Amino acid sequence: MFRNRITHIADAILERRSLLPDMKSLVLKRSVVIAGHKTSVSLEEAFWKDLKEIATARNMTLSDLLGTIDADRTHANLSSAIRLFILNFHCTHRSGSQLTDPGREPRLAPDL
């Protein structure tokens, strides 16, 4: 039953993708300095753009914003923590409130 549900969901996603124009999901790997340490981060171009805009709006450097996200993350993968931070940022701003803690990640519902 679970396998059938997954197959059904996958088929629905593929069907919807075929209706959309070709969109590239180019992942860019960039070298960054976080808390004085050089590392590389792989993100899609749209996430890099959002990170730069958020950092600029907060009068922070990109490295400072990434350092805050890195220090506050609860996930092992930095790229995932960055994506969740950006999702939280947009969800918070959509509701009209300000995000006061730049490193705060969204609280996700427990796995069912």
PDB file of N, CA and C in Angstrom:
ATOM      1  N   MET A   1       0.825  -1.186   0.000  1.00  0.00           N
ATOM      2  CA  MET A   1       0.000   0.000   0.000  1.00  0.00           C
ATOM      3  C   MET A   1       0.875   1.258   0.000  1.00  0.00           C
ATOM      4  N   PHE A   2       1.877   1.281   0.879  1.00  0.00           N
ATOM      5  CA  PHE A   2       2.765   2.436   0.949  1.00  0.00           C
ATOM      6  C   PHE A   2       3.502   2.615  -0.377  1.00  0.00           C
ATOM      7  N   ARG A   3       3.971   1.492  -0.946  1.00  0.00           N
ATOM      8  CA  ARG A   3       4.696   1.549  -2.214  1.00  0.00           C
ATOM      9  C   ARG A   3       3.792   2.085  -3.327  1.00  0.00           C
ATOM     10  N   ASN A   4       2.534   1.674  -3.351  1.00  0.00           N
ATOM     11  CA  ASN A   4       1.595   2.164  -4.359  1.00  0.00           C
ATOM     12  C   ASN A   4       1.370   3.664  -4.214  1.00  0.00           C
ATOM     13  N   ARG A   5       1.299   4.128  -2.963  1.00  0.00           N
ATOM     14  CA  ARG A   5       1.089   5.562  -2.723  1.00  0.00           C
ATOM     15  C   ARG A   5       2.293   6.369  -3.221  1.00  0.00           C
ATOM     16  N   ILE A   6       3.503   5.891  -2.942  1.00  0.00           N
ATOM     17  CA  ILE A   6       4.723   6.557  -3.406  1.00  0.00           C
ATOM     18  C   ILE A   6       4.752   6.586  -4.928  1.00  0.00           C
ATOM     19  N   THR A   7       4.425   5.475  -5.559  1.00  0.00           N
ATOM     20  CA  THR A   7       4.402   5.410  -7.021  1.00  0.00           C
ATOM     21  C   THR A   7       3.390   6.397  -7.578  1.00  0.00           C
ATOM     22  N   HIS A   8       2.228   6.485  -6.966  1.00  0.00           N
ATOM     23  CA  HIS A   8       1.191   7.414  -7.409  1.00  0.00           C
ATOM     24  C   HIS A   8       1.673   8.864  -7.290  1.00  0.00           C
ATOM     25  N   ILE A   9       2.320   9.199  -6.177  1.00  0.00           N
ATOM     26  CA  ILE A   9       2.835  10.557  -5.969  1.00  0.00           C
ATOM     27  C   ILE A   9       3.913  10.870  -6.998  1.00  0.00           C
ATOM     28  N   ALA A  10       4.822   9.923  -7.222  1.00  0.00           N
ATOM     29  CA  ALA A  10       5.898  10.128  -8.200  1.00  0.00           C
ATOM     30  C   ALA A  10       5.326  10.346  -9.593  1.00  0.00           C
ATOM     31  N   ASP A  11       4.324   9.567  -9.970  1.00  0.00           N
ATOM     32  CA  ASP A  11       3.685   9.740 -11.271  1.00  0.00           C
ATOM     33  C   ASP A  11       3.038  11.118 -11.400  1.00  0.00           C
ATOM     34  N   ALA A  12       2.395  11.577 -10.333  1.00  0.00           N
ATOM     35  CA  ALA A  12       1.750  12.895 -10.351  1.00  0.00           C
ATOM     36  C   ALA A  12       2.792  14.002 -10.523  1.00  0.00           C
ATOM     37  N   ILE A  13       3.913  13.864  -9.853  1.00  0.00           N
ATOM     38  CA  ILE A  13       4.976  14.868  -9.975  1.00  0.00           C
ATOM     39  C   ILE A  13       5.512  14.897 -11.398  1.00  0.00           C
ATOM     40  N   LEU A  14       5.780  13.741 -11.950  1.00  0.00           N
ATOM     41  CA  LEU A  14       6.296  13.680 -13.325  1.00  0.00           C
ATOM     42  C   LEU A  14       5.295  14.251 -14.318  1.00  0.00           C
ATOM     43  N   GLU A  15       4.018  13.992 -14.100  1.00  0.00           N
ATOM     44  CA  GLU A  15       2.988  14.524 -14.981  1.00  0.00           C
ATOM     45  C   GLU A  15       2.950  16.047 -14.924  1.00  0.00           C
ATOM     46  N   ARG A  16       3.032  16.604 -13.724  1.00  0.00           N
ATOM     47  CA  ARG A  16       3.029  18.066 -13.577  1.00  0.00           C
ATOM     48  C   ARG A  16       4.265  18.685 -14.194  1.00  0.00           C
ATOM     49  N   ARG A  17       5.403  18.037 -14.032  1.00  0.00           N
ATOM     50  CA  ARG A  17       6.644  18.564 -14.614  1.00  0.00           C
ATOM     51  C   ARG A  17       6.546  18.653 -16.129  1.00  0.00           C
ATOM     52  N   SER A  18       5.878  17.699 -16.741  1.00  0.00           N
ATOM     53  CA  SER A  18       5.778  17.714 -18.199  1.00  0.00           C
ATOM     54  C   SER A  18       4.932  18.890 -18.689  1.00  0.00           C
ATOM     55  N   LEU A  19       4.088  19.450 -17.813  1.00  0.00           N
ATOM     56  CA  LEU A  19       3.253  20.590 -18.191  1.00  0.00           C
ATOM     57  C   LEU A  19       3.981  21.921 -18.014  1.00  0.00           C
ATOM     58  N   LEU A  20       5.079  21.914 -17.276  1.00  0.00           N
ATOM     59  CA  LEU A  20       5.822  23.137 -17.023  1.00  0.00           C
ATOM     60  C   LEU A  20       6.881  23.355 -18.090  1.00  0.00           C
ATOM     61  N   PRO A  21       7.236  24.620 -18.334  1.00  0.00           N
ATOM     62  CA  PRO A  21       8.340  24.857 -19.259  1.00  0.00           C
ATOM     63  C   PRO A  21       9.627  24.309 -18.654  1.00  0.00           C
ATOM     64  N   ASP A  22      10.589  24.037 -19.519  1.00  0.00           N
ATOM     65  CA  ASP A  22      11.865  23.522 -19.028  1.00  0.00           C
ATOM     66  C   ASP A  22      12.478  24.504 -18.049  1.00  0.00           C
ATOM     67  N   MET A  23      12.709  24.044 -16.841  1.00  0.00           N
ATOM     68  CA  MET A  23      13.338  24.872 -15.832  1.00  0.00           C
ATOM     69  C   MET A  23      14.604  24.159 -15.395  1.00  0.00           C
ATOM     70  N   LYS A  24      15.692  24.887 -15.425  1.00  0.00           N
ATOM     71  CA  LYS A  24      16.957  24.302 -15.033  1.00  0.00           C
ATOM     72  C   LYS A  24      17.102  24.395 -13.523  1.00  0.00           C
ATOM     73  N   SER A  25      17.585  23.341 -12.935  1.00  0.00           N
ATOM     74  CA  SER A  25      17.848  23.326 -11.504  1.00  0.00           C
ATOM     75  C   SER A  25      19.362  23.230 -11.333  1.00  0.00           C
ATOM     76  N   LEU A  26      20.040  24.252 -11.814  1.00  0.00           N
ATOM     77  CA  LEU A  26      21.485  24.267 -11.793  1.00  0.00           C
ATOM     78  C   LEU A  26      21.989  24.472 -10.377  1.00  0.00           C
ATOM     79  N   VAL A  27      22.748  23.525  -9.894  1.00  0.00           N
ATOM     80  CA  VAL A  27      23.327  23.628  -8.565  1.00  0.00           C
ATOM     81  C   VAL A  27      24.705  24.261  -8.706  1.00  0.00           C
ATOM     82  N   LEU A  28      24.912  25.320  -7.943  1.00  0.00           N
ATOM     83  CA  LEU A  28      26.182  26.027  -7.969  1.00  0.00           C
ATOM     84  C   LEU A  28      26.934  25.738  -6.683  1.00  0.00           C
ATOM     85  N   LYS A  29      28.186  25.357  -6.825  1.00  0.00           N
ATOM     86  CA  LYS A  29      29.035  25.099  -5.668  1.00  0.00           C
ATOM     87  C   LYS A  29      29.945  26.304  -5.509  1.00  0.00           C
ATOM     88  N   ARG A  30      29.861  26.945  -4.344  1.00  0.00           N
ATOM     89  CA  ARG A  30      30.658  28.147  -4.090  1.00  0.00           C
ATOM     90  C   ARG A  30      31.490  27.978  -2.834  1.00  0.00           C
ATOM     91  N   SER A  31      32.677  28.553  -2.892  1.00  0.00           N
ATOM     92  CA  SER A  31      33.539  28.586  -1.713  1.00  0.00           C
ATOM     93  C   SER A  31      33.144  29.776  -0.863  1.00  0.00           C
ATOM     94  N   VAL A  32      32.973  29.531   0.421  1.00  0.00           N
ATOM     95  CA  VAL A  32      32.594  30.598   1.352  1.00  0.00           C
ATOM     96  C   VAL A  32      33.436  30.462   2.615  1.00  0.00           C
ATOM     97  N   VAL A  33      33.513  31.537   3.360  1.00  0.00           N
ATOM     98  CA  VAL A  33      34.205  31.513   4.651  1.00  0.00           C
ATOM     99  C   VAL A  33      33.139  31.658   5.733  1.00  0.00           C
ATOM    100  N   ILE A  34      33.075  30.664   6.600  1.00  0.00           N
ATOM    101  CA  ILE A  34      32.107  30.659   7.693  1.00  0.00           C
ATOM    102  C   ILE A  34      32.880  30.547   8.998  1.00  0.00           C
ATOM    103  N   ALA A  35      32.722  31.542   9.849  1.00  0.00           N
ATOM    104  CA  ALA A  35      33.413  31.570  11.147  1.00  0.00           C
ATOM    105  C   ALA A  35      34.915  31.348  10.977  1.00  0.00           C
ATOM    106  N   GLY A  36      35.471  31.963   9.941  1.00  0.00           N
ATOM    107  CA  GLY A  36      36.908  31.898   9.718  1.00  0.00           C
ATOM    108  C   GLY A  36      37.396  30.645   9.015  1.00  0.00           C
ATOM    109  N   HIS A  37      36.495  29.753   8.650  1.00  0.00           N
ATOM    110  CA  HIS A  37      36.878  28.511   7.982  1.00  0.00           C
ATOM    111  C   HIS A  37      36.333  28.493   6.560  1.00  0.00           C
ATOM    112  N   LYS A  38      37.188  28.142   5.609  1.00  0.00           N
ATOM    113  CA  LYS A  38      36.766  28.062   4.220  1.00  0.00           C
ATOM    114  C   LYS A  38      36.084  26.718   3.982  1.00  0.00           C
ATOM    115  N   THR A  39      34.932  26.772   3.348  1.00  0.00           N
ATOM    116  CA  THR A  39      34.193  25.561   3.014  1.00  0.00           C
ATOM    117  C   THR A  39      33.467  25.798   1.698  1.00  0.00           C
ATOM    118  N   SER A  40      32.850  24.777   1.169  1.00  0.00           N
ATOM    119  CA  SER A  40      32.058  24.953  -0.049  1.00  0.00           C
ATOM    120  C   SER A  40      30.617  24.563   0.241  1.00  0.00           C
ATOM    121  N   VAL A  41      29.725  25.278  -0.424  1.00  0.00           N
ATOM    122  CA  VAL A  41      28.291  25.048  -0.251  1.00  0.00           C
ATOM    123  C   VAL A  41      27.670  24.896  -1.636  1.00  0.00           C
ATOM    124  N   SER A  42      26.852  23.883  -1.807  1.00  0.00           N
ATOM    125  CA  SER A  42      26.162  23.648  -3.069  1.00  0.00           C
ATOM    126  C   SER A  42      24.687  23.991  -2.918  1.00  0.00           C
ATOM    127  N   LEU A  43      24.239  24.965  -3.699  1.00  0.00           N
ATOM    128  CA  LEU A  43      22.833  25.396  -3.688  1.00  0.00           C
ATOM    129  C   LEU A  43      22.406  25.758  -5.098  1.00  0.00           C
ATOM    130  N   GLU A  44      21.117  25.699  -5.332  1.00  0.00           N
ATOM    131  CA  GLU A  44      20.572  26.163  -6.598  1.00  0.00           C
ATOM    132  C   GLU A  44      20.723  27.683  -6.674  1.00  0.00           C
ATOM    133  N   GLU A  45      20.808  28.192  -7.881  1.00  0.00           N
ATOM    134  CA  GLU A  45      21.035  29.621  -8.109  1.00  0.00           C
ATOM    135  C   GLU A  45      20.011  30.496  -7.395  1.00  0.00           C
ATOM    136  N   ALA A  46      18.754  30.077  -7.386  1.00  0.00           N
ATOM    137  CA  ALA A  46      17.702  30.873  -6.740  1.00  0.00           C
ATOM    138  C   ALA A  46      17.967  31.029  -5.239  1.00  0.00           C
ATOM    139  N   PHE A  47      18.512  30.003  -4.604  1.00  0.00           N
ATOM    140  CA  PHE A  47      18.821  30.100  -3.175  1.00  0.00           C
ATOM    141  C   PHE A  47      19.986  31.054  -2.925  1.00  0.00           C
ATOM    142  N   TRP A  48      20.996  31.030  -3.792  1.00  0.00           N
ATOM    143  CA  TRP A  48      22.099  31.979  -3.648  1.00  0.00           C
ATOM    144  C   TRP A  48      21.582  33.408  -3.775  1.00  0.00           C
ATOM    145  N   LYS A  49      20.702  33.629  -4.734  1.00  0.00           N
ATOM    146  CA  LYS A  49      20.130  34.962  -4.945  1.00  0.00           C
ATOM    147  C   LYS A  49      19.368  35.412  -3.699  1.00  0.00           C
ATOM    148  N   ASP A  50      18.531  34.537  -3.151  1.00  0.00           N
ATOM    149  CA  ASP A  50      17.763  34.875  -1.952  1.00  0.00           C
ATOM    150  C   ASP A  50      18.679  35.160  -0.762  1.00  0.00           C
ATOM    151  N   LEU A  51      19.716  34.342  -0.594  1.00  0.00           N
ATOM    152  CA  LEU A  51      20.649  34.567   0.512  1.00  0.00           C
ATOM    153  C   LEU A  51      21.288  35.947   0.435  1.00  0.00           C
ATOM    154  N   LYS A  52      21.711  36.326  -0.756  1.00  0.00           N
ATOM    155  CA  LYS A  52      22.340  37.637  -0.932  1.00  0.00           C
ATOM    156  C   LYS A  52      21.351  38.756  -0.616  1.00  0.00           C
ATOM    157  N   GLU A  53      20.106  38.616  -1.066  1.00  0.00           N
ATOM    158  CA  GLU A  53      19.085  39.635  -0.800  1.00  0.00           C
ATOM    159  C   GLU A  53      18.784  39.742   0.697  1.00  0.00           C
ATOM    160  N   ILE A  54      18.691  38.616   1.382  1.00  0.00           N
ATOM    161  CA  ILE A  54      18.409  38.623   2.817  1.00  0.00           C
ATOM    162  C   ILE A  54      19.574  39.268   3.571  1.00  0.00           C
ATOM    163  N   ALA A  55      20.795  38.898   3.211  1.00  0.00           N
ATOM    164  CA  ALA A  55      21.971  39.477   3.866  1.00  0.00           C
ATOM    165  C   ALA A  55      22.013  40.988   3.661  1.00  0.00           C
ATOM    166  N   THR A  56      21.755  41.446   2.458  1.00  0.00           N
ATOM    167  CA  THR A  56      21.755  42.876   2.156  1.00  0.00           C
ATOM    168  C   THR A  56      20.678  43.597   2.960  1.00  0.00           C
ATOM    169  N   ALA A  57      19.482  43.023   3.019  1.00  0.00           N
ATOM    170  CA  ALA A  57      18.378  43.637   3.764  1.00  0.00           C
ATOM    171  C   ALA A  57      18.694  43.754   5.251  1.00  0.00           C
ATOM    172  N   ARG A  58      19.536  42.878   5.758  1.00  0.00           N
ATOM    173  CA  ARG A  58      19.888  42.883   7.185  1.00  0.00           C
ATOM    174  C   ARG A  58      21.219  43.577   7.456  1.00  0.00           C
ATOM    175  N   ASN A  59      21.792  44.187   6.428  1.00  0.00           N
ATOM    176  CA  ASN A  59      23.096  44.841   6.556  1.00  0.00           C
ATOM    177  C   ASN A  59      24.152  43.872   7.087  1.00  0.00           C
ATOM    178  N   MET A  60      24.129  42.665   6.559  1.00  0.00           N
ATOM    179  CA  MET A  60      25.088  41.621   6.935  1.00  0.00           C
ATOM    180  C   MET A  60      25.856  41.199   5.698  1.00  0.00           C
ATOM    181  N   THR A  61      27.041  40.667   5.917  1.00  0.00           N
ATOM    182  CA  THR A  61      27.735  40.035   4.802  1.00  0.00           C
ATOM    183  C   THR A  61      27.131  38.647   4.602  1.00  0.00           C
ATOM    184  N   LEU A  62      27.329  38.105   3.429  1.00  0.00           N
ATOM    185  CA  LEU A  62      26.851  36.752   3.165  1.00  0.00           C
ATOM    186  C   LEU A  62      27.511  35.766   4.130  1.00  0.00           C
ATOM    187  N   SER A  63      28.802  35.952   4.372  1.00  0.00           N
ATOM    188  CA  SER A  63      29.519  35.076   5.309  1.00  0.00           C
ATOM    189  C   SER A  63      28.933  35.149   6.720  1.00  0.00           C
ATOM    190  N   ASP A  64      28.568  36.352   7.160  1.00  0.00           N
ATOM    191  CA  ASP A  64      27.972  36.494   8.493  1.00  0.00           C
ATOM    192  C   ASP A  64      26.623  35.790   8.577  1.00  0.00           C
ATOM    193  N   LEU A  65      25.803  35.951   7.539  1.00  0.00           N
ATOM    194  CA  LEU A  65      24.497  35.292   7.524  1.00  0.00           C
ATOM    195  C   LEU A  65      24.676  33.773   7.520  1.00  0.00           C
ATOM    196  N   LEU A  66      25.580  33.284   6.681  1.00  0.00           N
ATOM    197  CA  LEU A  66      25.830  31.839   6.639  1.00  0.00           C
ATOM    198  C   LEU A  66      26.369  31.341   7.980  1.00  0.00           C
ATOM    199  N   GLY A  67      27.194  32.146   8.631  1.00  0.00           N
ATOM    200  CA  GLY A  67      27.710  31.769   9.943  1.00  0.00           C
ATOM    201  C   GLY A  67      26.613  31.643  10.974  1.00  0.00           C
ATOM    202  N   THR A  68      25.651  32.544  10.926  1.00  0.00           N
ATOM    203  CA  THR A  68      24.518  32.489  11.853  1.00  0.00           C
ATOM    204  C   THR A  68      23.677  31.245  11.598  1.00  0.00           C
ATOM    205  N   ILE A  69      23.402  30.976  10.318  1.00  0.00           N
ATOM    206  CA  ILE A  69      22.621  29.783   9.962  1.00  0.00           C
ATOM    207  C   ILE A  69      23.368  28.531  10.408  1.00  0.00           C
ATOM    208  N   ASP A  70      24.676  28.500  10.142  1.00  0.00           N
ATOM    209  CA  ASP A  70      25.499  27.343  10.505  1.00  0.00           C
ATOM    210  C   ASP A  70      25.499  27.113  12.011  1.00  0.00           C
ATOM    211  N   ALA A  71      25.655  28.168  12.779  1.00  0.00           N
ATOM    212  CA  ALA A  71      25.716  28.041  14.241  1.00  0.00           C
ATOM    213  C   ALA A  71      24.394  27.570  14.835  1.00  0.00           C
ATOM    214  N   ASP A  72      23.280  27.942  14.203  1.00  0.00           N
ATOM    215  CA  ASP A  72      21.964  27.627  14.758  1.00  0.00           C
ATOM    216  C   ASP A  72      21.320  26.386  14.163  1.00  0.00           C
ATOM    217  N   ARG A  73      21.971  25.774  13.198  1.00  0.00           N
ATOM    218  CA  ARG A  73      21.324  24.643  12.510  1.00  0.00           C
ATOM    219  C   ARG A  73      21.220  23.415  13.400  1.00  0.00           C
ATOM    220  N   THR A  74      20.185  22.638  13.125  1.00  0.00           N
ATOM    221  CA  THR A  74      19.977  21.390  13.845  1.00  0.00           C
ATOM    222  C   THR A  74      20.142  20.196  12.907  1.00  0.00           C
ATOM    223  N   HIS A  75      20.474  20.472  11.650  1.00  0.00           N
ATOM    224  CA  HIS A  75      20.650  19.420  10.649  1.00  0.00           C
ATOM    225  C   HIS A  75      22.124  19.247  10.348  1.00  0.00           C
ATOM    226  N   ALA A  76      22.508  18.058   9.967  1.00  0.00           N
ATOM    227  CA  ALA A  76      23.912  17.791   9.658  1.00  0.00           C
ATOM    228  C   ALA A  76      24.333  18.456   8.354  1.00  0.00           C
ATOM    229  N   ASN A  77      23.414  18.657   7.452  1.00  0.00           N
ATOM    230  CA  ASN A  77      23.735  19.170   6.126  1.00  0.00           C
ATOM    231  C   ASN A  77      23.507  20.681   6.075  1.00  0.00           C
ATOM    232  N   LEU A  78      24.564  21.445   5.838  1.00  0.00           N
ATOM    233  CA  LEU A  78      24.464  22.904   5.802  1.00  0.00           C
ATOM    234  C   LEU A  78      23.567  23.378   4.658  1.00  0.00           C
ATOM    235  N   SER A  79      23.684  22.767   3.499  1.00  0.00           N
ATOM    236  CA  SER A  79      22.848  23.180   2.357  1.00  0.00           C
ATOM    237  C   SER A  79      21.364  23.033   2.681  1.00  0.00           C
ATOM    238  N   SER A  80      21.000  21.960   3.344  1.00  0.00           N
ATOM    239  CA  SER A  80      19.596  21.766   3.739  1.00  0.00           C
ATOM    240  C   SER A  80      19.169  22.814   4.756  1.00  0.00           C
ATOM    241  N   ALA A  81      20.044  23.111   5.702  1.00  0.00           N
ATOM    242  CA  ALA A  81      19.723  24.127   6.714  1.00  0.00           C
ATOM    243  C   ALA A  81      19.515  25.484   6.053  1.00  0.00           C
ATOM    244  N   ILE A  82      20.300  25.801   5.041  1.00  0.00           N
ATOM    245  CA  ILE A  82      20.147  27.072   4.325  1.00  0.00           C
ATOM    246  C   ILE A  82      18.820  27.111   3.588  1.00  0.00           C
ATOM    247  N   ARG A  83      18.477  26.025   2.914  1.00  0.00           N
ATOM    248  CA  ARG A  83      17.189  25.983   2.198  1.00  0.00           C
ATOM    249  C   ARG A  83      16.027  26.155   3.179  1.00  0.00           C
ATOM    250  N   LEU A  84      16.090  25.495   4.336  1.00  0.00           N
ATOM    251  CA  LEU A  84      15.028  25.627   5.334  1.00  0.00           C
ATOM    252  C   LEU A  84      14.972  27.037   5.907  1.00  0.00           C
ATOM    253  N   PHE A  85      16.112  27.662   6.098  1.00  0.00           N
ATOM    254  CA  PHE A  85      16.150  29.045   6.571  1.00  0.00           C
ATOM    255  C   PHE A  85      15.443  29.959   5.570  1.00  0.00           C
ATOM    256  N   ILE A  86      15.729  29.786   4.287  1.00  0.00           N
ATOM    257  CA  ILE A  86      15.110  30.627   3.253  1.00  0.00           C
ATOM    258  C   ILE A  86      13.616  30.362   3.183  1.00  0.00           C
ATOM    259  N   LEU A  87      13.215  29.110   3.277  1.00  0.00           N
ATOM    260  CA  LEU A  87      11.783  28.785   3.305  1.00  0.00           C
ATOM    261  C   LEU A  87      11.106  29.473   4.482  1.00  0.00           C
ATOM    262  N   ASN A  88      11.718  29.383   5.652  1.00  0.00           N
ATOM    263  CA  ASN A  88      11.167  30.032   6.844  1.00  0.00           C
ATOM    264  C   ASN A  88      11.094  31.544   6.655  1.00  0.00           C
ATOM    265  N   PHE A  89      12.125  32.114   6.076  1.00  0.00           N
ATOM    266  CA  PHE A  89      12.151  33.555   5.831  1.00  0.00           C
ATOM    267  C   PHE A  89      10.956  33.977   4.969  1.00  0.00           C
ATOM    268  N   HIS A  90      10.739  33.263   3.872  1.00  0.00           N
ATOM    269  CA  HIS A  90       9.645  33.627   2.970  1.00  0.00           C
ATOM    270  C   HIS A  90       8.276  33.368   3.603  1.00  0.00           C
ATOM    271  N   CYS A  91       8.143  32.282   4.345  1.00  0.00           N
ATOM    272  CA  CYS A  91       6.868  32.012   5.021  1.00  0.00           C
ATOM    273  C   CYS A  91       6.574  33.078   6.061  1.00  0.00           C
ATOM    274  N   THR A  92       7.581  33.495   6.795  1.00  0.00           N
ATOM    275  CA  THR A  92       7.413  34.513   7.819  1.00  0.00           C
ATOM    276  C   THR A  92       7.054  35.856   7.201  1.00  0.00           C
ATOM    277  N   HIS A  93       7.716  36.203   6.124  1.00  0.00           N
ATOM    278  CA  HIS A  93       7.436  37.484   5.480  1.00  0.00           C
ATOM    279  C   HIS A  93       6.106  37.486   4.735  1.00  0.00           C
ATOM    280  N   ARG A  94       5.679  36.333   4.298  1.00  0.00           N
ATOM    281  CA  ARG A  94       4.378  36.245   3.641  1.00  0.00           C
ATOM    282  C   ARG A  94       3.270  36.574   4.631  1.00  0.00           C
ATOM    283  N   SER A  95       3.489  36.192   5.896  1.00  0.00           N
ATOM    284  CA  SER A  95       2.472  36.461   6.916  1.00  0.00           C
ATOM    285  C   SER A  95       2.542  37.896   7.430  1.00  0.00           C
ATOM    286  N   GLY A  96       3.570  38.656   6.974  1.00  0.00           N
ATOM    287  CA  GLY A  96       3.645  40.066   7.322  1.00  0.00           C
ATOM    288  C   GLY A  96       4.477  40.388   8.543  1.00  0.00           C
ATOM    289  N   SER A  97       5.024  39.378   9.219  1.00  0.00           N
ATOM    290  CA  SER A  97       5.842  39.662  10.397  1.00  0.00           C
ATOM    291  C   SER A  97       7.313  39.646  10.024  1.00  0.00           C
ATOM    292  N   GLN A  98       8.137  40.181  10.895  1.00  0.00           N
ATOM    293  CA  GLN A  98       9.572  40.221  10.653  1.00  0.00           C
ATOM    294  C   GLN A  98      10.222  39.003  11.289  1.00  0.00           C
ATOM    295  N   LEU A  99      11.270  38.527  10.676  1.00  0.00           N
ATOM    296  CA  LEU A  99      12.048  37.434  11.229  1.00  0.00           C
ATOM    297  C   LEU A  99      13.108  38.043  12.130  1.00  0.00           C
ATOM    298  N   THR A 100      12.992  37.817  13.426  1.00  0.00           N
ATOM    299  CA  THR A 100      13.905  38.469  14.358  1.00  0.00           C
ATOM    300  C   THR A 100      15.174  37.671  14.587  1.00  0.00           C
ATOM    301  N   ASP A 101      15.138  36.384  14.408  1.00  0.00           N
ATOM    302  CA  ASP A 101      16.313  35.548  14.610  1.00  0.00           C
ATOM    303  C   ASP A 101      16.758  35.004  13.266  1.00  0.00           C
ATOM    304  N   PRO A 102      17.828  35.570  12.666  1.00  0.00           N
ATOM    305  CA  PRO A 102      18.208  35.182  11.314  1.00  0.00           C
ATOM    306  C   PRO A 102      18.590  33.720  11.172  1.00  0.00           C
ATOM    307  N   GLY A 103      18.968  33.047  12.224  1.00  0.00           N
ATOM    308  CA  GLY A 103      19.370  31.657  12.112  1.00  0.00           C
ATOM    309  C   GLY A 103      18.271  30.674  12.445  1.00  0.00           C
ATOM    310  N   ARG A 104      17.108  31.183  12.821  1.00  0.00           N
ATOM    311  CA  ARG A 104      16.025  30.297  13.246  1.00  0.00           C
ATOM    312  C   ARG A 104      15.519  29.474  12.069  1.00  0.00           C
ATOM    313  N   GLU A 105      15.445  28.193  12.273  1.00  0.00           N
ATOM    314  CA  GLU A 105      14.921  27.307  11.247  1.00  0.00           C
ATOM    315  C   GLU A 105      13.452  27.033  11.538  1.00  0.00           C
ATOM    316  N   PRO A 106      12.693  26.687  10.513  1.00  0.00           N
ATOM    317  CA  PRO A 106      11.276  26.397  10.751  1.00  0.00           C
ATOM    318  C   PRO A 106      11.111  25.154  11.612  1.00  0.00           C
ATOM    319  N   ARG A 107      10.091  25.150  12.406  1.00  0.00           N
ATOM    320  CA  ARG A 107       9.768  23.975  13.201  1.00  0.00           C
ATOM    321  C   ARG A 107       8.932  23.059  12.319  1.00  0.00           C
ATOM    322  N   LEU A 108       9.470  21.897  12.030  1.00  0.00           N
ATOM    323  CA  LEU A 108       8.792  20.960  11.145  1.00  0.00           C
ATOM    324  C   LEU A 108       7.948  20.000  11.951  1.00  0.00           C
ATOM    325  N   ALA A 109       6.858  19.565  11.357  1.00  0.00           N
ATOM    326  CA  ALA A 109       6.003  18.604  12.020  1.00  0.00           C
ATOM    327  C   ALA A 109       6.757  17.281  12.147  1.00  0.00           C
ATOM    328  N   PRO A 110       6.520  16.529  13.188  1.00  0.00           N
ATOM    329  CA  PRO A 110       7.207  15.253  13.343  1.00  0.00           C
ATOM    330  C   PRO A 110       6.802  14.298  12.221  1.00  0.00           C
ATOM    331  N   ASP A 111       7.700  13.381  11.909  1.00  0.00           N
ATOM    332  CA  ASP A 111       7.395  12.387  10.881  1.00  0.00           C
ATOM    333  C   ASP A 111       6.209  11.545  11.304  1.00  0.00           C
ATOM    334  N   LEU A 112       5.343  11.326  10.349  1.00  0.00           N
ATOM    335  CA  LEU A 112       4.155  10.500  10.641  1.00  0.00           C
ATOM    336  C   LEU A 112       4.394   9.085  10.258  1.00  0.00           C
TER     337      LEU A 112
END
